Amino acid sequence: MKSLILFLLTFTLMLTSCNNPEQENQLKEREAALLVKEEKFAEKEQDYEALKMMRDSLERLPTDTIIPVKIPENIIGKWNGKMICTESNCSEHVIGDLRNDLWEFTAEHLKITNKSGGEKIYTGKYNGSELKLTSENNSASTSQSVITLQLSSQTTGRIKGSREFTGNNCTSKFSVELEKIKN
């Protein structure tokens, strides 16, 4: 009988010790904090998945897509282009080389035609005083050409700027002078 009383007394103590309200409140607070953290993590995970989808869609865009620049009205038309090589470490360009090409500006792009009939299309950005054009990539050419033209609001039939060719581990720079062709 003593052992039964001792057992009941021990069991009663265990039941009362498990019912500690302070520990229960701490446990509930931890559970609530854990739920908040889980919700925040789920939101971040959704954002992450959305960013991954956006990244993947951007990677699938064609790389040759170029947003055309709106070239100013007073620039549109045909121009005689004169370029003089000012700096070069390329075998095909020598300092002092002179090139004369036909430059044709449209509202969206620039087309340069050389004397042998070869054409190159450029698109780029216009910021109000400077027109920066980059050659469109094609698989036949490994060189890249960037043209920077300084424009004023009073362009009077002449434009000056620079042109830089890069490719085949070399760079050539040219000064550019354009003269508008009168129709």
N, C-alpha and C. Protein backbone atom coordinates (compact mmCIF):
# COMPACT_ATOMS: atom_id res chain seq x y z
N MET A 1 0.79 -1.17 0.00
CA MET A 1 0.00 0.00 0.00
C MET A 1 0.86 1.27 0.00
N LYS A 2 1.99 1.19 0.72
CA LYS A 2 2.88 2.34 0.75
C LYS A 2 3.39 2.67 -0.65
N SER A 3 3.66 1.63 -1.38
CA SER A 3 4.16 1.89 -2.73
C SER A 3 3.09 2.50 -3.61
N LEU A 4 1.83 2.17 -3.39
CA LEU A 4 0.74 2.77 -4.16
C LEU A 4 0.59 4.24 -3.82
N ILE A 5 0.69 4.58 -2.57
CA ILE A 5 0.59 5.97 -2.15
C ILE A 5 1.78 6.76 -2.71
N LEU A 6 2.94 6.16 -2.63
CA LEU A 6 4.12 6.82 -3.15
C LEU A 6 4.01 7.03 -4.67
N PHE A 7 3.46 6.04 -5.36
CA PHE A 7 3.27 6.15 -6.80
C PHE A 7 2.28 7.25 -7.14
N LEU A 8 1.15 7.32 -6.43
CA LEU A 8 0.14 8.35 -6.67
C LEU A 8 0.69 9.74 -6.36
N LEU A 9 1.46 9.84 -5.32
CA LEU A 9 2.03 11.12 -4.97
C LEU A 9 3.02 11.57 -6.05
N THR A 10 3.84 10.69 -6.54
CA THR A 10 4.81 11.01 -7.59
C THR A 10 4.07 11.39 -8.88
N PHE A 11 3.03 10.65 -9.20
CA PHE A 11 2.25 10.92 -10.42
C PHE A 11 1.57 12.28 -10.34
N THR A 12 1.05 12.63 -9.19
CA THR A 12 0.40 13.92 -9.00
C THR A 12 1.41 15.06 -9.14
N LEU A 13 2.60 14.87 -8.60
CA LEU A 13 3.63 15.89 -8.73
C LEU A 13 4.04 16.09 -10.19
N MET A 14 4.12 14.99 -10.91
CA MET A 14 4.49 15.09 -12.32
C MET A 14 3.42 15.83 -13.11
N LEU A 15 2.18 15.57 -12.82
CA LEU A 15 1.10 16.25 -13.53
C LEU A 15 1.09 17.74 -13.23
N THR A 16 1.33 18.09 -12.02
CA THR A 16 1.32 19.50 -11.68
C THR A 16 2.56 20.21 -12.22
N SER A 17 3.67 19.53 -12.31
CA SER A 17 4.88 20.17 -12.82
C SER A 17 4.79 20.35 -14.33
N CYS A 18 4.03 19.54 -15.02
CA CYS A 18 3.87 19.70 -16.47
C CYS A 18 2.92 20.84 -16.80
N ASN A 19 2.23 21.30 -15.85
CA ASN A 19 1.23 22.33 -16.08
C ASN A 19 1.75 23.68 -15.61
N ASN A 20 2.98 24.04 -15.99
CA ASN A 20 3.59 25.29 -15.60
C ASN A 20 3.12 26.38 -16.58
N PRO A 21 2.30 27.34 -16.16
CA PRO A 21 1.76 28.35 -17.07
C PRO A 21 2.84 29.26 -17.67
N GLU A 22 3.89 29.53 -16.94
CA GLU A 22 4.95 30.39 -17.46
C GLU A 22 5.66 29.73 -18.64
N GLN A 23 5.95 28.45 -18.51
CA GLN A 23 6.59 27.73 -19.60
C GLN A 23 5.65 27.60 -20.80
N GLU A 24 4.38 27.40 -20.54
CA GLU A 24 3.41 27.32 -21.64
C GLU A 24 3.34 28.63 -22.40
N ASN A 25 3.35 29.75 -21.69
CA ASN A 25 3.33 31.07 -22.36
C ASN A 25 4.58 31.28 -23.20
N GLN A 26 5.73 30.90 -22.67
CA GLN A 26 6.98 31.03 -23.43
C GLN A 26 6.94 30.16 -24.69
N LEU A 27 6.41 28.95 -24.54
CA LEU A 27 6.30 28.05 -25.68
C LEU A 27 5.36 28.63 -26.74
N LYS A 28 4.24 29.19 -26.31
CA LYS A 28 3.30 29.80 -27.26
C LYS A 28 3.93 31.01 -27.97
N GLU A 29 4.69 31.82 -27.23
CA GLU A 29 5.36 32.96 -27.84
C GLU A 29 6.38 32.51 -28.88
N ARG A 30 7.13 31.45 -28.55
CA ARG A 30 8.10 30.92 -29.51
C ARG A 30 7.40 30.38 -30.75
N GLU A 31 6.29 29.68 -30.55
CA GLU A 31 5.54 29.15 -31.69
C GLU A 31 5.02 30.29 -32.57
N ALA A 32 4.53 31.36 -31.95
CA ALA A 32 4.03 32.51 -32.71
C ALA A 32 5.16 33.17 -33.49
N ALA A 33 6.32 33.33 -32.85
CA ALA A 33 7.47 33.93 -33.52
C ALA A 33 7.93 33.05 -34.68
N LEU A 34 7.89 31.74 -34.47
CA LEU A 34 8.28 30.81 -35.53
C LEU A 34 7.31 30.89 -36.71
N LEU A 35 6.02 31.03 -36.44
CA LEU A 35 5.02 31.17 -37.51
C LEU A 35 5.26 32.45 -38.32
N VAL A 36 5.59 33.55 -37.62
CA VAL A 36 5.88 34.81 -38.32
C VAL A 36 7.10 34.65 -39.21
N LYS A 37 8.14 34.01 -38.69
CA LYS A 37 9.35 33.79 -39.48
C LYS A 37 9.06 32.91 -40.69
N GLU A 38 8.24 31.88 -40.50
CA GLU A 38 7.89 31.00 -41.62
C GLU A 38 7.12 31.77 -42.70
N GLU A 39 6.21 32.65 -42.29
CA GLU A 39 5.45 33.45 -43.25
C GLU A 39 6.37 34.40 -44.03
N LYS A 40 7.30 35.05 -43.32
CA LYS A 40 8.25 35.95 -43.99
C LYS A 40 9.13 35.17 -44.95
N PHE A 41 9.56 33.98 -44.54
CA PHE A 41 10.39 33.16 -45.41
C PHE A 41 9.61 32.74 -46.65
N ALA A 42 8.33 32.40 -46.49
CA ALA A 42 7.51 32.01 -47.64
C ALA A 42 7.37 33.18 -48.61
N GLU A 43 7.19 34.41 -48.10
CA GLU A 43 7.11 35.60 -48.96
C GLU A 43 8.42 35.80 -49.72
N LYS A 44 9.54 35.67 -49.02
CA LYS A 44 10.84 35.83 -49.68
C LYS A 44 11.06 34.75 -50.72
N GLU A 45 10.59 33.54 -50.43
CA GLU A 45 10.73 32.46 -51.39
C GLU A 45 9.91 32.73 -52.65
N GLN A 46 8.72 33.30 -52.49
CA GLN A 46 7.89 33.68 -53.64
C GLN A 46 8.58 34.77 -54.46
N ASP A 47 9.14 35.78 -53.79
CA ASP A 47 9.88 36.83 -54.49
C ASP A 47 11.06 36.25 -55.25
N TYR A 48 11.77 35.34 -54.61
CA TYR A 48 12.92 34.71 -55.24
C TYR A 48 12.50 33.94 -56.49
N GLU A 49 11.43 33.17 -56.40
CA GLU A 49 10.94 32.41 -57.56
C GLU A 49 10.52 33.36 -58.69
N ALA A 50 9.86 34.48 -58.33
CA ALA A 50 9.45 35.44 -59.35
C ALA A 50 10.68 36.06 -60.02
N LEU A 51 11.70 36.39 -59.25
CA LEU A 51 12.94 36.95 -59.82
C LEU A 51 13.64 35.93 -60.72
N LYS A 52 13.64 34.68 -60.32
CA LYS A 52 14.24 33.64 -61.16
C LYS A 52 13.50 33.52 -62.49
N MET A 53 12.18 33.58 -62.43
CA MET A 53 11.39 33.50 -63.67
C MET A 53 11.70 34.70 -64.57
N MET A 54 11.81 35.90 -63.98
CA MET A 54 12.12 37.09 -64.76
C MET A 54 13.51 36.98 -65.37
N ARG A 55 14.48 36.53 -64.59
CA ARG A 55 15.84 36.34 -65.10
C ARG A 55 15.84 35.35 -66.27
N ASP A 56 15.14 34.25 -66.11
CA ASP A 56 15.09 33.24 -67.16
C ASP A 56 14.44 33.78 -68.42
N SER A 57 13.39 34.60 -68.27
CA SER A 57 12.74 35.16 -69.45
C SER A 57 13.65 36.17 -70.14
N LEU A 58 14.44 36.93 -69.36
CA LEU A 58 15.38 37.87 -69.96
C LEU A 58 16.51 37.15 -70.68
N GLU A 59 16.94 36.02 -70.14
CA GLU A 59 18.00 35.26 -70.79
C GLU A 59 17.52 34.65 -72.11
N ARG A 60 16.23 34.42 -72.23
CA ARG A 60 15.70 33.85 -73.47
C ARG A 60 15.47 34.88 -74.55
N LEU A 61 15.58 36.18 -74.21
CA LEU A 61 15.41 37.22 -75.23
C LEU A 61 16.55 37.12 -76.24
N PRO A 62 16.25 37.41 -77.51
CA PRO A 62 17.34 37.41 -78.48
C PRO A 62 18.36 38.49 -78.15
N THR A 63 19.64 38.17 -78.28
CA THR A 63 20.69 39.12 -77.92
C THR A 63 20.86 40.21 -78.96
N ASP A 64 20.34 39.99 -80.15
CA ASP A 64 20.51 41.01 -81.19
C ASP A 64 19.38 42.04 -81.19
N THR A 65 18.49 42.00 -80.19
CA THR A 65 17.43 42.97 -80.10
C THR A 65 17.99 44.28 -79.58
N ILE A 66 17.91 45.31 -80.40
CA ILE A 66 18.41 46.63 -80.01
C ILE A 66 17.26 47.62 -80.12
N ILE A 67 17.07 48.39 -79.09
CA ILE A 67 16.03 49.41 -79.11
C ILE A 67 16.54 50.59 -79.91
N PRO A 68 15.86 50.93 -81.00
CA PRO A 68 16.38 52.00 -81.84
C PRO A 68 16.26 53.37 -81.17
N VAL A 69 17.19 54.24 -81.53
CA VAL A 69 17.19 55.61 -81.02
C VAL A 69 16.35 56.47 -81.96
N LYS A 70 15.74 57.48 -81.44
CA LYS A 70 15.02 58.46 -82.26
C LYS A 70 16.00 59.56 -82.61
N ILE A 71 16.48 59.54 -83.85
CA ILE A 71 17.49 60.50 -84.31
C ILE A 71 16.80 61.83 -84.60
N PRO A 72 17.41 62.96 -84.20
CA PRO A 72 16.79 64.27 -84.42
C PRO A 72 16.50 64.54 -85.90
N GLU A 73 15.42 65.25 -86.14
CA GLU A 73 14.96 65.56 -87.51
C GLU A 73 16.02 66.24 -88.35
N ASN A 74 16.76 67.19 -87.76
CA ASN A 74 17.74 67.94 -88.56
C ASN A 74 18.96 67.10 -88.94
N ILE A 75 19.10 65.91 -88.41
CA ILE A 75 20.21 65.02 -88.74
C ILE A 75 19.81 64.04 -89.85
N ILE A 76 18.53 63.74 -89.95
CA ILE A 76 18.06 62.74 -90.91
C ILE A 76 18.42 63.17 -92.33
N GLY A 77 18.95 62.21 -93.08
CA GLY A 77 19.33 62.45 -94.46
C GLY A 77 20.70 61.87 -94.75
N LYS A 78 21.24 62.23 -95.92
CA LYS A 78 22.53 61.70 -96.36
C LYS A 78 23.65 62.70 -96.07
N TRP A 79 24.78 62.16 -95.67
CA TRP A 79 25.95 62.96 -95.30
C TRP A 79 27.19 62.33 -95.92
N ASN A 80 28.12 63.16 -96.35
CA ASN A 80 29.43 62.68 -96.74
C ASN A 80 30.27 62.58 -95.48
N GLY A 81 30.85 61.41 -95.24
CA GLY A 81 31.64 61.18 -94.05
C GLY A 81 33.11 61.09 -94.37
N LYS A 82 33.91 61.85 -93.63
CA LYS A 82 35.36 61.83 -93.80
C LYS A 82 35.95 61.42 -92.45
N MET A 83 36.73 60.34 -92.46
CA MET A 83 37.35 59.84 -91.23
C MET A 83 38.86 59.78 -91.41
N ILE A 84 39.57 60.21 -90.40
CA ILE A 84 41.03 60.15 -90.41
C ILE A 84 41.46 59.36 -89.18
N CYS A 85 42.28 58.33 -89.40
CA CYS A 85 42.77 57.50 -88.30
C CYS A 85 43.74 58.31 -87.45
N THR A 86 43.45 58.40 -86.15
CA THR A 86 44.29 59.18 -85.23
C THR A 86 45.11 58.30 -84.29
N GLU A 87 44.69 57.05 -84.15
CA GLU A 87 45.38 56.15 -83.23
C GLU A 87 45.05 54.72 -83.63
N SER A 88 46.05 53.84 -83.69
CA SER A 88 45.77 52.46 -84.09
C SER A 88 46.89 51.52 -83.69
N ASN A 89 46.50 50.33 -83.28
CA ASN A 89 47.44 49.23 -83.11
C ASN A 89 46.96 48.02 -83.93
N CYS A 90 46.13 48.30 -84.94
CA CYS A 90 45.60 47.27 -85.83
C CYS A 90 46.38 47.28 -87.14
N SER A 91 46.53 46.12 -87.72
CA SER A 91 47.28 46.03 -88.97
C SER A 91 46.51 46.62 -90.14
N GLU A 92 45.18 46.62 -90.10
CA GLU A 92 44.40 47.13 -91.23
C GLU A 92 44.18 48.65 -91.20
N HIS A 93 44.57 49.33 -90.11
CA HIS A 93 44.44 50.78 -90.02
C HIS A 93 45.79 51.39 -89.63
N VAL A 94 46.16 52.43 -90.35
CA VAL A 94 47.41 53.13 -90.07
C VAL A 94 47.06 54.57 -89.74
N ILE A 95 47.79 55.16 -88.80
CA ILE A 95 47.55 56.55 -88.44
C ILE A 95 47.69 57.41 -89.70
N GLY A 96 46.69 58.24 -89.93
CA GLY A 96 46.67 59.09 -91.11
C GLY A 96 45.79 58.53 -92.23
N ASP A 97 45.36 57.27 -92.12
CA ASP A 97 44.45 56.71 -93.12
C ASP A 97 43.23 57.60 -93.26
N LEU A 98 42.78 57.80 -94.48
CA LEU A 98 41.62 58.63 -94.76
C LEU A 98 40.55 57.76 -95.39
N ARG A 99 39.34 57.86 -94.90
CA ARG A 99 38.21 57.12 -95.44
C ARG A 99 37.09 58.09 -95.74
N ASN A 100 36.46 57.89 -96.87
CA ASN A 100 35.29 58.68 -97.26
C ASN A 100 34.14 57.71 -97.49
N ASP A 101 33.07 57.87 -96.72
CA ASP A 101 31.92 56.98 -96.81
C ASP A 101 30.64 57.81 -96.92
N LEU A 102 29.56 57.15 -97.31
CA LEU A 102 28.24 57.77 -97.34
C LEU A 102 27.51 57.37 -96.06
N TRP A 103 27.08 58.36 -95.31
CA TRP A 103 26.36 58.13 -94.06
C TRP A 103 24.91 58.52 -94.29
N GLU A 104 23.99 57.60 -93.99
CA GLU A 104 22.57 57.89 -94.18
C GLU A 104 21.83 57.68 -92.86
N PHE A 105 21.35 58.79 -92.30
CA PHE A 105 20.60 58.75 -91.05
C PHE A 105 19.12 58.62 -91.37
N THR A 106 18.45 57.67 -90.70
CA THR A 106 16.99 57.58 -90.74
C THR A 106 16.52 57.87 -89.31
N ALA A 107 15.22 57.84 -89.10
CA ALA A 107 14.70 58.13 -87.76
C ALA A 107 15.14 57.09 -86.73
N GLU A 108 15.45 55.87 -87.15
CA GLU A 108 15.79 54.80 -86.21
C GLU A 108 17.25 54.40 -86.18
N HIS A 109 18.00 54.61 -87.28
CA HIS A 109 19.36 54.10 -87.31
C HIS A 109 20.24 54.88 -88.29
N LEU A 110 21.49 54.47 -88.35
CA LEU A 110 22.47 55.04 -89.27
C LEU A 110 22.99 53.90 -90.14
N LYS A 111 23.06 54.15 -91.44
CA LYS A 111 23.65 53.18 -92.36
C LYS A 111 24.86 53.83 -93.01
N ILE A 112 26.03 53.18 -92.87
CA ILE A 112 27.25 53.68 -93.50
C ILE A 112 27.57 52.76 -94.67
N THR A 113 27.75 53.37 -95.84
CA THR A 113 28.09 52.62 -97.04
C THR A 113 29.49 53.05 -97.47
N ASN A 114 30.41 52.08 -97.60
CA ASN A 114 31.76 52.43 -98.03
C ASN A 114 31.84 52.42 -99.56
N LYS A 115 32.99 52.79 -100.10
CA LYS A 115 33.16 52.92 -101.56
C LYS A 115 32.94 51.61 -102.30
N SER A 116 33.23 50.49 -101.66
CA SER A 116 33.07 49.19 -102.33
C SER A 116 31.64 48.67 -102.21
N GLY A 117 30.76 49.42 -101.56
CA GLY A 117 29.36 49.03 -101.45
C GLY A 117 29.00 48.30 -100.17
N GLY A 118 29.98 48.05 -99.31
CA GLY A 118 29.70 47.40 -98.03
C GLY A 118 28.91 48.32 -97.12
N GLU A 119 27.94 47.76 -96.43
CA GLU A 119 27.08 48.56 -95.55
C GLU A 119 27.17 48.05 -94.12
N LYS A 120 27.03 48.98 -93.19
CA LYS A 120 27.00 48.64 -91.78
C LYS A 120 25.90 49.48 -91.12
N ILE A 121 25.08 48.84 -90.29
CA ILE A 121 23.96 49.51 -89.62
C ILE A 121 24.35 49.77 -88.16
N TYR A 122 23.99 50.97 -87.68
CA TYR A 122 24.28 51.39 -86.31
C TYR A 122 22.99 51.83 -85.64
N THR A 123 22.86 51.50 -84.36
CA THR A 123 21.77 52.02 -83.53
C THR A 123 22.39 52.50 -82.23
N GLY A 124 21.65 53.29 -81.46
CA GLY A 124 22.26 53.79 -80.24
C GLY A 124 21.39 54.69 -79.42
N LYS A 125 22.04 55.66 -78.77
CA LYS A 125 21.38 56.56 -77.82
C LYS A 125 21.67 58.01 -78.18
N TYR A 126 20.68 58.85 -77.93
CA TYR A 126 20.82 60.29 -78.13
C TYR A 126 20.42 60.96 -76.83
N ASN A 127 21.30 61.79 -76.27
CA ASN A 127 21.01 62.43 -74.98
C ASN A 127 20.79 63.94 -75.09
N GLY A 128 20.61 64.45 -76.29
CA GLY A 128 20.36 65.88 -76.45
C GLY A 128 21.55 66.63 -77.01
N SER A 129 22.77 66.19 -76.69
CA SER A 129 23.96 66.85 -77.23
C SER A 129 24.92 65.86 -77.86
N GLU A 130 24.70 64.59 -77.64
CA GLU A 130 25.61 63.58 -78.15
C GLU A 130 24.82 62.39 -78.68
N LEU A 131 25.24 61.91 -79.82
CA LEU A 131 24.64 60.73 -80.45
C LEU A 131 25.70 59.63 -80.39
N LYS A 132 25.42 58.56 -79.64
CA LYS A 132 26.37 57.46 -79.50
C LYS A 132 25.77 56.24 -80.17
N LEU A 133 26.44 55.77 -81.23
CA LEU A 133 25.94 54.67 -82.04
C LEU A 133 26.88 53.47 -81.97
N THR A 134 26.30 52.29 -81.98
CA THR A 134 27.06 51.05 -81.91
C THR A 134 26.67 50.18 -83.09
N SER A 135 27.65 49.53 -83.70
CA SER A 135 27.36 48.66 -84.84
C SER A 135 26.55 47.46 -84.38
N GLU A 136 25.62 47.05 -85.23
CA GLU A 136 24.84 45.86 -84.93
C GLU A 136 25.71 44.64 -85.13
N ASN A 137 25.53 43.67 -84.25
CA ASN A 137 26.34 42.45 -84.34
C ASN A 137 25.84 41.57 -85.46
N ASN A 138 26.76 41.08 -86.25
CA ASN A 138 26.43 40.03 -87.20
C ASN A 138 27.54 38.99 -87.14
N SER A 139 27.21 37.78 -87.51
CA SER A 139 28.16 36.68 -87.34
C SER A 139 29.37 36.81 -88.25
N ALA A 140 29.26 37.56 -89.34
CA ALA A 140 30.38 37.67 -90.28
C ALA A 140 31.50 38.56 -89.74
N SER A 141 31.17 39.49 -88.86
CA SER A 141 32.16 40.45 -88.37
C SER A 141 32.43 40.22 -86.90
N THR A 142 33.70 40.16 -86.54
CA THR A 142 34.07 40.02 -85.13
C THR A 142 34.43 41.37 -84.52
N SER A 143 34.51 42.41 -85.34
CA SER A 143 34.88 43.72 -84.82
C SER A 143 33.64 44.50 -84.41
N GLN A 144 33.83 45.40 -83.48
CA GLN A 144 32.76 46.26 -82.96
C GLN A 144 33.16 47.69 -83.25
N SER A 145 32.19 48.51 -83.63
CA SER A 145 32.47 49.90 -83.93
C SER A 145 31.52 50.78 -83.13
N VAL A 146 32.08 51.80 -82.47
CA VAL A 146 31.29 52.76 -81.71
C VAL A 146 31.56 54.14 -82.28
N ILE A 147 30.48 54.86 -82.58
CA ILE A 147 30.59 56.21 -83.14
C ILE A 147 29.98 57.18 -82.13
N THR A 148 30.70 58.25 -81.81
CA THR A 148 30.19 59.28 -80.92
C THR A 148 30.21 60.60 -81.69
N LEU A 149 29.04 61.21 -81.83
CA LEU A 149 28.93 62.48 -82.56
C LEU A 149 28.43 63.55 -81.60
N GLN A 150 29.10 64.70 -81.61
CA GLN A 150 28.67 65.83 -80.79
C GLN A 150 27.71 66.67 -81.63
N LEU A 151 26.49 66.82 -81.11
CA LEU A 151 25.46 67.56 -81.83
C LEU A 151 25.08 68.79 -81.04
N SER A 152 24.84 69.86 -81.75
CA SER A 152 24.29 71.05 -81.09
C SER A 152 22.89 71.26 -81.65
N SER A 153 22.13 72.06 -80.99
CA SER A 153 20.78 72.32 -81.47
C SER A 153 20.81 73.09 -82.79
N GLN A 154 21.94 73.68 -83.09
CA GLN A 154 22.09 74.48 -84.31
C GLN A 154 23.00 73.78 -85.33
N THR A 155 22.84 72.46 -85.49
CA THR A 155 23.67 71.74 -86.46
C THR A 155 23.44 72.36 -87.83
N THR A 156 24.51 72.89 -88.43
CA THR A 156 24.39 73.67 -89.66
C THR A 156 25.04 72.97 -90.85
N GLY A 157 24.78 71.70 -91.01
CA GLY A 157 25.33 70.99 -92.15
C GLY A 157 26.67 70.34 -91.89
N ARG A 158 27.23 70.49 -90.69
CA ARG A 158 28.50 69.84 -90.32
C ARG A 158 28.38 69.24 -88.92
N ILE A 159 28.93 68.05 -88.80
CA ILE A 159 28.95 67.37 -87.51
C ILE A 159 30.35 66.80 -87.31
N LYS A 160 30.86 66.89 -86.08
CA LYS A 160 32.16 66.31 -85.76
C LYS A 160 31.98 65.27 -84.66
N GLY A 161 32.92 64.35 -84.64
CA GLY A 161 32.86 63.32 -83.62
C GLY A 161 34.03 62.37 -83.72
N SER A 162 33.83 61.15 -83.20
CA SER A 162 34.89 60.15 -83.21
C SER A 162 34.28 58.78 -83.49
N ARG A 163 35.14 57.88 -83.94
CA ARG A 163 34.72 56.52 -84.22
C ARG A 163 35.83 55.60 -83.72
N GLU A 164 35.44 54.51 -83.06
CA GLU A 164 36.41 53.58 -82.52
C GLU A 164 36.06 52.16 -82.95
N PHE A 165 37.03 51.50 -83.58
CA PHE A 165 36.89 50.10 -83.95
C PHE A 165 37.63 49.26 -82.92
N THR A 166 36.99 48.21 -82.43
CA THR A 166 37.68 47.25 -81.57
C THR A 166 37.40 45.85 -82.08
N GLY A 167 38.39 45.01 -82.07
CA GLY A 167 38.25 43.63 -82.49
C GLY A 167 39.58 43.06 -82.87
N ASN A 168 39.65 41.73 -82.90
CA ASN A 168 40.89 41.04 -83.25
C ASN A 168 42.06 41.52 -82.39
N ASN A 169 41.79 41.78 -81.12
CA ASN A 169 42.81 42.20 -80.15
C ASN A 169 43.50 43.51 -80.52
N CYS A 170 42.75 44.42 -81.15
CA CYS A 170 43.34 45.73 -81.47
C CYS A 170 42.25 46.80 -81.44
N THR A 171 42.69 48.05 -81.43
CA THR A 171 41.77 49.19 -81.39
C THR A 171 42.28 50.26 -82.35
N SER A 172 41.34 50.85 -83.11
CA SER A 172 41.67 51.97 -83.99
C SER A 172 40.69 53.10 -83.71
N LYS A 173 41.21 54.33 -83.64
CA LYS A 173 40.36 55.49 -83.40
C LYS A 173 40.45 56.44 -84.58
N PHE A 174 39.32 57.03 -84.93
CA PHE A 174 39.23 57.94 -86.06
C PHE A 174 38.55 59.23 -85.62
N SER A 175 38.97 60.34 -86.20
CA SER A 175 38.19 61.58 -86.07
C SER A 175 37.20 61.56 -87.21
N VAL A 176 36.00 62.06 -86.96
CA VAL A 176 34.93 62.00 -87.94
C VAL A 176 34.44 63.41 -88.23
N GLU A 177 34.24 63.71 -89.50
CA GLU A 177 33.63 64.97 -89.89
C GLU A 177 32.59 64.65 -90.97
N LEU A 178 31.38 65.09 -90.72
CA LEU A 178 30.28 64.85 -91.66
C LEU A 178 29.82 66.16 -92.28
N GLU A 179 29.48 66.09 -93.55
CA GLU A 179 28.95 67.26 -94.26
C GLU A 179 27.65 66.83 -94.95
N LYS A 180 26.58 67.57 -94.65
CA LYS A 180 25.26 67.21 -95.19
C LYS A 180 25.25 67.37 -96.71
N ILE A 181 24.66 66.38 -97.39
CA ILE A 181 24.52 66.43 -98.85
C ILE A 181 23.24 67.20 -99.14
N LYS A 182 23.38 68.22 -99.96
CA LYS A 182 22.21 69.03 -100.31
C LYS A 182 21.47 68.35 -101.46
N ASN A 183 20.17 68.16 -101.28
CA ASN A 183 19.36 67.46 -102.31
C ASN A 183 18.97 68.37 -103.42
